[in-house]
Amino acid sequence: MLLLGFALTAAGVVTVGVDTPAFADSTLVALLAGLFVGLDGLAQPVTEVNFLVLAGWAGLIANALNLIPAGELDGAKMVLGCWGRRTASAVSVFTTGALGFSAITGNALSFYWVLLLLFLQRGPITPSYEELSPPKSEANRKAALALLGFSLLVLVPFPIELAYAIMQVQQPGFIVPQSFPTDLL
């Protein structure tokens, strides 16, 4: 849906305006916006897009949050199925710690997910029917890694320094501010 929305946007079928800095909230969406809208379109304070972009973006975020490898979420079940109980427990602790650190540094979305994981998603891992043997196909592990990487692309913000570097290449006279206004984040 996101790709269809961006394709319609590139064709000129636009319905809503989005603050351009909002695209930096997701690396995948920022890259797709740069590809379909173009850097000239992203140089404006508000970018006009098709409403399917917002609907697809919301769907991507919901699925990416479910793919976080912690607690009882689907991402943790994937790690358990592909790499075993010990790895799943270690990855879950690391992920919860990383989300906690992100929440401390000011990310409100991470704060709510840490609360969800700590209070609602904790508990013993339910044993699966067959968890002693590895997956029958190496393709399953590769697919799990691809999905975990996909969730990172959706949830990790686009680096602002890279955005400034792209703007300097696009517009040679562009002046990089000394500090980025945090009220836009």
N, C-alpha and C. Protein backbone atom coordinates (compact mmCIF):
# COMPACT_ATOMS: atom_id res chain seq x y z
N MET A 1 0.83 -1.18 0.00
CA MET A 1 0.00 0.00 0.00
C MET A 1 0.88 1.26 0.00
N LEU A 2 1.98 1.19 0.74
CA LEU A 2 2.91 2.32 0.77
C LEU A 2 3.48 2.59 -0.62
N LEU A 3 3.89 1.53 -1.30
CA LEU A 3 4.45 1.70 -2.65
C LEU A 3 3.41 2.23 -3.62
N LEU A 4 2.17 1.74 -3.50
CA LEU A 4 1.10 2.24 -4.36
C LEU A 4 0.85 3.72 -4.08
N GLY A 5 0.85 4.10 -2.80
CA GLY A 5 0.66 5.50 -2.44
C GLY A 5 1.76 6.39 -2.99
N PHE A 6 3.01 5.92 -2.90
CA PHE A 6 4.12 6.71 -3.45
C PHE A 6 4.06 6.76 -4.98
N ALA A 7 3.62 5.66 -5.60
CA ALA A 7 3.48 5.66 -7.07
C ALA A 7 2.40 6.65 -7.50
N LEU A 8 1.29 6.68 -6.77
CA LEU A 8 0.23 7.66 -7.08
C LEU A 8 0.71 9.08 -6.82
N THR A 9 1.53 9.25 -5.79
CA THR A 9 2.10 10.57 -5.51
C THR A 9 3.00 11.01 -6.66
N ALA A 10 3.83 10.10 -7.15
CA ALA A 10 4.72 10.43 -8.27
C ALA A 10 3.92 10.75 -9.52
N ALA A 11 2.72 10.14 -9.64
CA ALA A 11 1.86 10.40 -10.81
C ALA A 11 1.06 11.69 -10.65
N GLY A 12 1.14 12.32 -9.48
CA GLY A 12 0.45 13.59 -9.27
C GLY A 12 -0.88 13.49 -8.56
N VAL A 13 -1.26 12.30 -8.10
CA VAL A 13 -2.52 12.13 -7.37
C VAL A 13 -2.22 12.31 -5.88
N VAL A 14 -2.29 13.55 -5.42
CA VAL A 14 -1.96 13.87 -4.03
C VAL A 14 -3.22 14.34 -3.31
N THR A 15 -3.34 13.96 -2.04
CA THR A 15 -4.54 14.31 -1.28
C THR A 15 -4.26 14.94 0.07
N VAL A 16 -3.12 14.67 0.68
CA VAL A 16 -2.83 15.21 2.01
C VAL A 16 -1.42 15.78 2.04
N GLY A 17 -1.21 16.71 2.97
CA GLY A 17 0.11 17.27 3.18
C GLY A 17 0.74 16.69 4.43
N VAL A 18 2.01 16.34 4.34
CA VAL A 18 2.75 15.77 5.46
C VAL A 18 3.95 16.66 5.72
N ASP A 19 4.20 16.98 6.99
CA ASP A 19 5.41 17.74 7.32
C ASP A 19 6.62 16.93 6.84
N THR A 20 7.46 17.55 6.06
CA THR A 20 8.58 16.85 5.45
C THR A 20 9.52 16.22 6.48
N PRO A 21 9.83 16.86 7.62
CA PRO A 21 10.70 16.20 8.60
C PRO A 21 10.13 14.89 9.15
N ALA A 22 8.82 14.68 9.03
CA ALA A 22 8.22 13.43 9.53
C ALA A 22 8.72 12.22 8.76
N PHE A 23 9.13 12.41 7.51
CA PHE A 23 9.64 11.28 6.74
C PHE A 23 10.92 10.72 7.34
N ALA A 24 11.64 11.51 8.11
CA ALA A 24 12.89 11.05 8.73
C ALA A 24 12.63 10.12 9.91
N ASP A 25 11.37 9.92 10.29
CA ASP A 25 11.06 9.02 11.40
C ASP A 25 11.29 7.56 11.04
N SER A 26 11.39 7.24 9.78
CA SER A 26 11.60 5.87 9.33
C SER A 26 12.60 5.88 8.18
N THR A 27 13.63 5.07 8.30
CA THR A 27 14.64 5.01 7.25
C THR A 27 14.03 4.53 5.94
N LEU A 28 13.20 3.49 6.01
CA LEU A 28 12.59 2.96 4.79
C LEU A 28 11.70 3.98 4.11
N VAL A 29 10.87 4.66 4.89
CA VAL A 29 9.96 5.66 4.32
C VAL A 29 10.74 6.85 3.78
N ALA A 30 11.81 7.25 4.47
CA ALA A 30 12.62 8.36 3.98
C ALA A 30 13.28 8.02 2.65
N LEU A 31 13.79 6.80 2.53
CA LEU A 31 14.41 6.39 1.26
C LEU A 31 13.39 6.31 0.14
N LEU A 32 12.21 5.76 0.44
CA LEU A 32 11.16 5.67 -0.58
C LEU A 32 10.65 7.06 -0.97
N ALA A 33 10.54 7.96 0.01
CA ALA A 33 10.10 9.32 -0.30
C ALA A 33 11.12 10.01 -1.19
N GLY A 34 12.40 9.83 -0.91
CA GLY A 34 13.42 10.41 -1.76
C GLY A 34 13.39 9.84 -3.16
N LEU A 35 13.06 8.56 -3.28
CA LEU A 35 13.01 7.91 -4.59
C LEU A 35 11.79 8.36 -5.40
N PHE A 36 10.62 8.39 -4.77
CA PHE A 36 9.38 8.69 -5.50
C PHE A 36 9.07 10.18 -5.57
N VAL A 37 9.28 10.90 -4.48
CA VAL A 37 8.95 12.32 -4.45
C VAL A 37 10.11 13.14 -5.00
N GLY A 38 11.33 12.69 -4.74
CA GLY A 38 12.50 13.41 -5.20
C GLY A 38 13.00 14.38 -4.14
N LEU A 39 14.27 14.70 -4.22
CA LEU A 39 14.86 15.59 -3.22
C LEU A 39 14.32 17.01 -3.33
N ASP A 40 13.93 17.42 -4.53
CA ASP A 40 13.34 18.76 -4.69
C ASP A 40 12.00 18.84 -3.97
N GLY A 41 11.21 17.78 -4.06
CA GLY A 41 9.92 17.76 -3.36
C GLY A 41 10.08 17.71 -1.86
N LEU A 42 11.15 17.07 -1.40
CA LEU A 42 11.38 16.99 0.05
C LEU A 42 12.04 18.24 0.60
N ALA A 43 12.45 19.16 -0.26
CA ALA A 43 13.05 20.41 0.21
C ALA A 43 11.99 21.38 0.73
N GLN A 44 10.73 21.11 0.45
CA GLN A 44 9.64 21.97 0.92
C GLN A 44 9.29 21.62 2.37
N PRO A 45 8.72 22.56 3.14
CA PRO A 45 8.34 22.25 4.53
C PRO A 45 7.21 21.22 4.62
N VAL A 46 6.30 21.24 3.65
CA VAL A 46 5.19 20.28 3.62
C VAL A 46 5.23 19.57 2.27
N THR A 47 5.15 18.25 2.32
CA THR A 47 5.16 17.45 1.10
C THR A 47 3.76 16.88 0.87
N GLU A 48 3.24 17.09 -0.31
CA GLU A 48 1.92 16.57 -0.66
C GLU A 48 2.07 15.11 -1.12
N VAL A 49 1.30 14.21 -0.50
CA VAL A 49 1.34 12.79 -0.85
C VAL A 49 -0.08 12.25 -0.96
N ASN A 50 -0.20 11.07 -1.50
CA ASN A 50 -1.48 10.37 -1.55
C ASN A 50 -1.77 9.80 -0.17
N PHE A 51 -3.04 9.69 0.19
CA PHE A 51 -3.41 9.20 1.52
C PHE A 51 -2.98 7.75 1.73
N LEU A 52 -2.78 6.99 0.66
CA LEU A 52 -2.34 5.61 0.80
C LEU A 52 -0.92 5.52 1.38
N VAL A 53 -0.13 6.58 1.23
CA VAL A 53 1.19 6.60 1.86
C VAL A 53 1.04 6.52 3.37
N LEU A 54 0.14 7.31 3.93
CA LEU A 54 -0.05 7.32 5.38
C LEU A 54 -0.64 6.00 5.86
N ALA A 55 -1.60 5.44 5.11
CA ALA A 55 -2.19 4.17 5.49
C ALA A 55 -1.16 3.05 5.44
N GLY A 56 -0.36 3.02 4.39
CA GLY A 56 0.69 2.01 4.29
C GLY A 56 1.76 2.16 5.34
N TRP A 57 2.10 3.40 5.66
CA TRP A 57 3.10 3.68 6.69
C TRP A 57 2.61 3.19 8.05
N ALA A 58 1.35 3.45 8.37
CA ALA A 58 0.78 2.98 9.63
C ALA A 58 0.79 1.45 9.70
N GLY A 59 0.47 0.80 8.60
CA GLY A 59 0.52 -0.66 8.57
C GLY A 59 1.92 -1.20 8.74
N LEU A 60 2.89 -0.54 8.12
CA LEU A 60 4.29 -0.96 8.28
C LEU A 60 4.75 -0.83 9.73
N ILE A 61 4.36 0.26 10.38
CA ILE A 61 4.76 0.46 11.78
C ILE A 61 4.14 -0.61 12.67
N ALA A 62 2.86 -0.91 12.46
CA ALA A 62 2.20 -1.93 13.28
C ALA A 62 2.87 -3.29 13.11
N ASN A 63 3.18 -3.65 11.88
CA ASN A 63 3.84 -4.94 11.65
C ASN A 63 5.27 -4.95 12.16
N ALA A 64 5.99 -3.84 12.01
CA ALA A 64 7.37 -3.78 12.49
C ALA A 64 7.43 -3.85 14.01
N LEU A 65 6.47 -3.23 14.69
CA LEU A 65 6.44 -3.31 16.15
C LEU A 65 6.18 -4.75 16.60
N ASN A 66 5.36 -5.47 15.87
CA ASN A 66 5.09 -6.86 16.22
C ASN A 66 6.29 -7.75 15.94
N LEU A 67 7.19 -7.32 15.07
CA LEU A 67 8.39 -8.10 14.76
C LEU A 67 9.56 -7.81 15.69
N ILE A 68 9.34 -6.98 16.72
CA ILE A 68 10.40 -6.74 17.70
C ILE A 68 10.67 -8.06 18.43
N PRO A 69 11.93 -8.51 18.48
CA PRO A 69 12.22 -9.81 19.10
C PRO A 69 12.31 -9.74 20.62
N ALA A 70 11.18 -9.54 21.27
CA ALA A 70 11.14 -9.47 22.73
C ALA A 70 9.79 -9.97 23.23
N GLY A 71 9.79 -10.49 24.45
CA GLY A 71 8.55 -10.93 25.07
C GLY A 71 7.85 -12.02 24.29
N GLU A 72 6.55 -11.86 24.13
CA GLU A 72 5.74 -12.83 23.40
C GLU A 72 5.37 -12.34 22.00
N LEU A 73 6.08 -11.35 21.51
CA LEU A 73 5.79 -10.82 20.18
C LEU A 73 6.25 -11.80 19.10
N ASP A 74 5.78 -11.60 17.89
CA ASP A 74 6.10 -12.52 16.79
C ASP A 74 7.60 -12.56 16.49
N GLY A 75 8.29 -11.45 16.67
CA GLY A 75 9.73 -11.44 16.43
C GLY A 75 10.46 -12.38 17.38
N ALA A 76 10.03 -12.43 18.64
CA ALA A 76 10.64 -13.34 19.60
C ALA A 76 10.34 -14.79 19.24
N LYS A 77 9.15 -15.05 18.74
CA LYS A 77 8.80 -16.41 18.32
C LYS A 77 9.65 -16.84 17.12
N MET A 78 9.94 -15.90 16.22
CA MET A 78 10.80 -16.22 15.07
C MET A 78 12.21 -16.57 15.55
N VAL A 79 12.74 -15.77 16.47
CA VAL A 79 14.10 -16.02 16.97
C VAL A 79 14.13 -17.35 17.71
N LEU A 80 13.11 -17.65 18.49
CA LEU A 80 13.03 -18.92 19.20
C LEU A 80 13.00 -20.09 18.22
N GLY A 81 12.21 -19.98 17.18
CA GLY A 81 12.10 -21.07 16.22
C GLY A 81 13.36 -21.27 15.39
N CYS A 82 14.08 -20.21 15.13
CA CYS A 82 15.27 -20.32 14.26
C CYS A 82 16.56 -20.57 15.01
N TRP A 83 16.70 -20.04 16.20
CA TRP A 83 17.99 -20.12 16.89
C TRP A 83 17.93 -20.70 18.29
N GLY A 84 16.75 -21.05 18.79
CA GLY A 84 16.65 -21.73 20.07
C GLY A 84 16.35 -20.82 21.24
N ARG A 85 16.08 -21.48 22.38
CA ARG A 85 15.63 -20.80 23.60
C ARG A 85 16.69 -19.87 24.18
N ARG A 86 17.93 -20.31 24.23
CA ARG A 86 18.98 -19.48 24.84
C ARG A 86 19.20 -18.19 24.04
N THR A 87 19.27 -18.31 22.74
CA THR A 87 19.44 -17.12 21.89
C THR A 87 18.22 -16.22 21.98
N ALA A 88 17.03 -16.81 22.01
CA ALA A 88 15.80 -16.01 22.10
C ALA A 88 15.76 -15.23 23.40
N SER A 89 16.17 -15.85 24.50
CA SER A 89 16.18 -15.14 25.79
C SER A 89 17.20 -14.00 25.78
N ALA A 90 18.38 -14.25 25.24
CA ALA A 90 19.41 -13.21 25.19
C ALA A 90 18.99 -12.05 24.29
N VAL A 91 18.42 -12.36 23.13
CA VAL A 91 17.98 -11.31 22.22
C VAL A 91 16.83 -10.52 22.84
N SER A 92 15.94 -11.20 23.56
CA SER A 92 14.82 -10.51 24.21
C SER A 92 15.31 -9.53 25.28
N VAL A 93 16.28 -9.96 26.08
CA VAL A 93 16.84 -9.06 27.11
C VAL A 93 17.55 -7.88 26.45
N PHE A 94 18.34 -8.15 25.40
CA PHE A 94 19.04 -7.07 24.70
C PHE A 94 18.05 -6.09 24.08
N THR A 95 17.01 -6.60 23.44
CA THR A 95 16.02 -5.73 22.79
C THR A 95 15.28 -4.89 23.81
N THR A 96 14.87 -5.50 24.92
CA THR A 96 14.19 -4.74 25.96
C THR A 96 15.11 -3.67 26.53
N GLY A 97 16.39 -3.99 26.73
CA GLY A 97 17.34 -3.00 27.20
C GLY A 97 17.55 -1.87 26.21
N ALA A 98 17.63 -2.20 24.93
CA ALA A 98 17.79 -1.17 23.90
C ALA A 98 16.57 -0.27 23.83
N LEU A 99 15.38 -0.86 23.95
CA LEU A 99 14.16 -0.05 23.97
C LEU A 99 14.12 0.83 25.22
N GLY A 100 14.57 0.28 26.36
CA GLY A 100 14.61 1.07 27.59
C GLY A 100 15.57 2.24 27.46
N PHE A 101 16.74 2.01 26.87
CA PHE A 101 17.70 3.09 26.65
C PHE A 101 17.10 4.14 25.72
N SER A 102 16.44 3.69 24.68
CA SER A 102 15.81 4.62 23.75
C SER A 102 14.71 5.43 24.44
N ALA A 103 13.98 4.79 25.35
CA ALA A 103 12.93 5.49 26.09
C ALA A 103 13.52 6.54 27.02
N ILE A 104 14.66 6.22 27.63
CA ILE A 104 15.31 7.18 28.54
C ILE A 104 15.81 8.39 27.77
N THR A 105 16.27 8.18 26.54
CA THR A 105 16.79 9.29 25.75
C THR A 105 15.70 10.11 25.08
N GLY A 106 14.44 9.80 25.31
CA GLY A 106 13.38 10.67 24.86
C GLY A 106 12.44 10.14 23.80
N ASN A 107 12.54 8.89 23.41
CA ASN A 107 11.64 8.34 22.40
C ASN A 107 10.37 7.84 23.08
N ALA A 108 9.27 8.55 22.87
CA ALA A 108 8.01 8.22 23.55
C ALA A 108 7.47 6.86 23.10
N LEU A 109 7.61 6.52 21.84
CA LEU A 109 7.10 5.24 21.35
C LEU A 109 7.83 4.08 22.03
N SER A 110 9.13 4.20 22.21
CA SER A 110 9.90 3.16 22.90
C SER A 110 9.46 3.03 24.34
N PHE A 111 9.13 4.15 24.98
CA PHE A 111 8.67 4.11 26.36
C PHE A 111 7.42 3.24 26.51
N TYR A 112 6.46 3.43 25.63
CA TYR A 112 5.22 2.65 25.72
C TYR A 112 5.46 1.18 25.41
N TRP A 113 6.36 0.88 24.49
CA TRP A 113 6.64 -0.51 24.19
C TRP A 113 7.42 -1.19 25.31
N VAL A 114 8.29 -0.46 25.99
CA VAL A 114 8.98 -1.04 27.15
C VAL A 114 7.97 -1.35 28.24
N LEU A 115 7.03 -0.44 28.49
CA LEU A 115 5.99 -0.72 29.49
C LEU A 115 5.18 -1.95 29.11
N LEU A 116 4.80 -2.04 27.85
CA LEU A 116 4.05 -3.20 27.38
C LEU A 116 4.85 -4.49 27.59
N LEU A 117 6.12 -4.46 27.23
CA LEU A 117 6.94 -5.66 27.37
C LEU A 117 7.17 -6.04 28.83
N LEU A 118 7.40 -5.05 29.68
CA LEU A 118 7.70 -5.35 31.07
C LEU A 118 6.49 -5.83 31.85
N PHE A 119 5.31 -5.31 31.54
CA PHE A 119 4.15 -5.65 32.35
C PHE A 119 3.21 -6.66 31.71
N LEU A 120 3.14 -6.71 30.41
CA LEU A 120 2.17 -7.60 29.77
C LEU A 120 2.81 -8.75 29.00
N GLN A 121 4.02 -8.60 28.54
CA GLN A 121 4.62 -9.60 27.67
C GLN A 121 5.68 -10.45 28.35
N ARG A 122 5.85 -10.32 29.62
CA ARG A 122 6.88 -11.09 30.32
C ARG A 122 6.29 -12.43 30.77
N GLY A 123 7.14 -13.37 31.00
CA GLY A 123 6.71 -14.67 31.46
C GLY A 123 7.53 -15.76 30.80
N PRO A 124 7.31 -16.97 31.25
CA PRO A 124 8.09 -18.06 30.66
C PRO A 124 7.69 -18.28 29.20
N ILE A 125 8.67 -18.69 28.42
CA ILE A 125 8.42 -18.98 27.02
C ILE A 125 7.66 -20.29 26.94
N THR A 126 6.55 -20.28 26.26
CA THR A 126 5.74 -21.48 26.10
C THR A 126 6.51 -22.48 25.25
N PRO A 127 6.66 -23.72 25.76
CA PRO A 127 7.40 -24.69 24.96
C PRO A 127 6.67 -25.00 23.66
N SER A 128 7.44 -25.16 22.62
CA SER A 128 6.84 -25.52 21.34
C SER A 128 6.83 -27.04 21.20
N TYR A 129 6.09 -27.49 20.23
CA TYR A 129 5.94 -28.93 20.01
C TYR A 129 7.28 -29.59 19.71
N GLU A 130 8.08 -28.94 18.91
CA GLU A 130 9.35 -29.51 18.49
C GLU A 130 10.40 -28.42 18.45
N GLU A 131 11.15 -28.27 19.53
CA GLU A 131 12.13 -27.19 19.56
C GLU A 131 13.57 -27.67 19.68
N LEU A 132 13.79 -28.95 19.59
CA LEU A 132 15.15 -29.46 19.74
C LEU A 132 15.93 -29.47 18.44
N SER A 133 15.26 -29.72 17.34
CA SER A 133 15.98 -29.78 16.07
C SER A 133 15.96 -28.41 15.39
N PRO A 134 16.99 -28.11 14.61
CA PRO A 134 17.02 -26.82 13.90
C PRO A 134 15.97 -26.81 12.78
N PRO A 135 15.70 -25.65 12.24
CA PRO A 135 14.74 -25.58 11.12
C PRO A 135 15.21 -26.46 9.96
N LYS A 136 14.25 -27.03 9.25
CA LYS A 136 14.58 -27.94 8.15
C LYS A 136 15.24 -27.22 6.98
N SER A 137 15.01 -25.94 6.87
CA SER A 137 15.53 -25.20 5.73
C SER A 137 16.30 -23.97 6.22
N GLU A 138 17.43 -23.73 5.61
CA GLU A 138 18.20 -22.52 5.92
C GLU A 138 17.47 -21.28 5.42
N ALA A 139 16.57 -21.48 4.48
CA ALA A 139 15.78 -20.35 3.96
C ALA A 139 14.90 -19.74 5.05
N ASN A 140 14.46 -20.57 6.02
CA ASN A 140 13.66 -20.03 7.12
C ASN A 140 14.46 -19.04 7.96
N ARG A 141 15.71 -19.37 8.23
CA ARG A 141 16.55 -18.45 9.00
C ARG A 141 16.83 -17.17 8.21
N LYS A 142 17.05 -17.31 6.92
CA LYS A 142 17.29 -16.13 6.09
C LYS A 142 16.05 -15.25 6.03
N ALA A 143 14.88 -15.88 5.95
CA ALA A 143 13.62 -15.11 5.93
C ALA A 143 13.42 -14.40 7.26
N ALA A 144 13.74 -15.07 8.38
CA ALA A 144 13.61 -14.44 9.69
C ALA A 144 14.56 -13.25 9.81
N LEU A 145 15.80 -13.41 9.35
CA LEU A 145 16.75 -12.29 9.38
C LEU A 145 16.27 -11.14 8.51
N ALA A 146 15.69 -11.46 7.35
CA ALA A 146 15.18 -10.41 6.47
C ALA A 146 14.04 -9.66 7.13
N LEU A 147 13.15 -10.37 7.81
CA LEU A 147 12.03 -9.71 8.49
C LEU A 147 12.51 -8.85 9.66
N LEU A 148 13.50 -9.34 10.41
CA LEU A 148 14.04 -8.54 11.51
C LEU A 148 14.74 -7.30 10.97
N GLY A 149 15.46 -7.44 9.87
CA GLY A 149 16.09 -6.28 9.23
C GLY A 149 15.07 -5.31 8.69
N PHE A 150 13.98 -5.84 8.14
CA PHE A 150 12.90 -4.99 7.64
C PHE A 150 12.30 -4.16 8.77
N SER A 151 12.08 -4.80 9.94
CA SER A 151 11.52 -4.04 11.06
C SER A 151 12.48 -2.95 11.51
N LEU A 152 13.78 -3.20 11.44
CA LEU A 152 14.75 -2.15 11.78
C LEU A 152 14.68 -1.00 10.79
N LEU A 153 14.56 -1.32 9.50
CA LEU A 153 14.45 -0.26 8.49
C LEU A 153 13.22 0.61 8.71
N VAL A 154 12.14 0.01 9.18
CA VAL A 154 10.91 0.77 9.40
C VAL A 154 10.99 1.59 10.69
N LEU A 155 11.56 1.02 11.75
CA LEU A 155 11.50 1.67 13.06
C LEU A 155 12.66 2.61 13.35
N VAL A 156 13.81 2.40 12.73
CA VAL A 156 14.97 3.25 13.02
C VAL A 156 14.86 4.54 12.20
N PRO A 157 15.02 5.69 12.85
CA PRO A 157 14.93 6.96 12.12
C PRO A 157 16.08 7.13 11.12
N PHE A 158 15.81 7.92 10.10
CA PHE A 158 16.83 8.25 9.10
C PHE A 158 17.85 9.18 9.74
N PRO A 159 19.14 8.90 9.64
CA PRO A 159 20.15 9.75 10.27
C PRO A 159 20.12 11.17 9.71
N ILE A 160 19.97 12.14 10.59
CA ILE A 160 19.83 13.53 10.17
C ILE A 160 21.12 14.04 9.52
N GLU A 161 22.28 13.53 9.97
CA GLU A 161 23.54 13.94 9.37
C GLU A 161 23.60 13.52 7.90
N LEU A 162 23.08 12.33 7.60
CA LEU A 162 23.05 11.86 6.22
C LEU A 162 22.08 12.70 5.39
N ALA A 163 20.97 13.09 5.99
CA ALA A 163 20.02 13.95 5.29
C ALA A 163 20.67 15.29 4.96
N TYR A 164 21.42 15.84 5.90
CA TYR A 164 22.12 17.10 5.63
C TYR A 164 23.17 16.93 4.53
N ALA A 165 23.88 15.81 4.53
CA ALA A 165 24.89 15.57 3.49
C ALA A 165 24.23 15.48 2.12
N ILE A 166 23.08 14.83 2.05
CA ILE A 166 22.35 14.73 0.78
C ILE A 166 21.90 16.12 0.33
N MET A 167 21.43 16.93 1.28
CA MET A 167 20.98 18.28 0.93
C MET A 167 22.14 19.13 0.44
N GLN A 168 23.34 18.96 1.01
CA GLN A 168 24.50 19.73 0.56
C GLN A 168 24.91 19.33 -0.85
N VAL A 169 24.78 18.06 -1.19
CA VAL A 169 25.10 17.62 -2.55
C VAL A 169 24.07 18.16 -3.52
N GLN A 170 22.79 18.12 -3.11
CA GLN A 170 21.71 18.58 -3.98
C GLN A 170 21.74 20.11 -4.15
N GLN A 171 21.97 20.82 -3.04
CA GLN A 171 22.00 22.29 -3.07
C GLN A 171 23.34 22.73 -2.49
N PRO A 172 24.32 23.04 -3.31
CA PRO A 172 25.67 23.35 -2.81
C PRO A 172 25.71 24.51 -1.81
N GLY A 173 24.78 25.44 -1.86
CA GLY A 173 24.78 26.56 -0.93
C GLY A 173 24.06 26.28 0.38
N PHE A 174 23.59 25.04 0.58
CA PHE A 174 22.84 24.69 1.78
C PHE A 174 23.73 24.78 3.01
N ILE A 175 23.27 25.48 4.03
CA ILE A 175 24.04 25.66 5.26
C ILE A 175 23.50 24.70 6.31
N VAL A 176 24.38 23.87 6.85
CA VAL A 176 23.98 22.91 7.87
C VAL A 176 23.87 23.64 9.20
N PRO A 177 22.71 23.58 9.87
CA PRO A 177 22.59 24.24 11.18
C PRO A 177 23.49 23.56 12.21
N GLN A 178 23.92 24.34 13.20
CA GLN A 178 24.78 23.80 14.25
C GLN A 178 24.05 22.79 15.11
N SER A 179 22.77 23.01 15.33
CA SER A 179 21.99 22.06 16.11
C SER A 179 20.64 21.88 15.43
N PHE A 180 20.14 20.68 15.47
CA PHE A 180 18.85 20.38 14.84
C PHE A 180 17.75 20.71 15.84
N PRO A 181 16.70 21.41 15.44
CA PRO A 181 15.63 21.73 16.38
C PRO A 181 14.93 20.46 16.85
N THR A 182 14.96 20.22 18.16
CA THR A 182 14.40 18.98 18.69
C THR A 182 12.88 18.99 18.72
N ASP A 183 12.25 20.14 18.54
CA ASP A 183 10.79 20.15 18.55
C ASP A 183 10.23 19.52 17.28
N LEU A 184 11.05 19.30 16.26
CA LEU A 184 10.59 18.65 15.04
C LEU A 184 10.62 17.13 15.17
N LEU A 185 11.33 16.62 16.16
CA LEU A 185 11.47 15.17 16.30
C LEU A 185 10.26 14.55 16.94
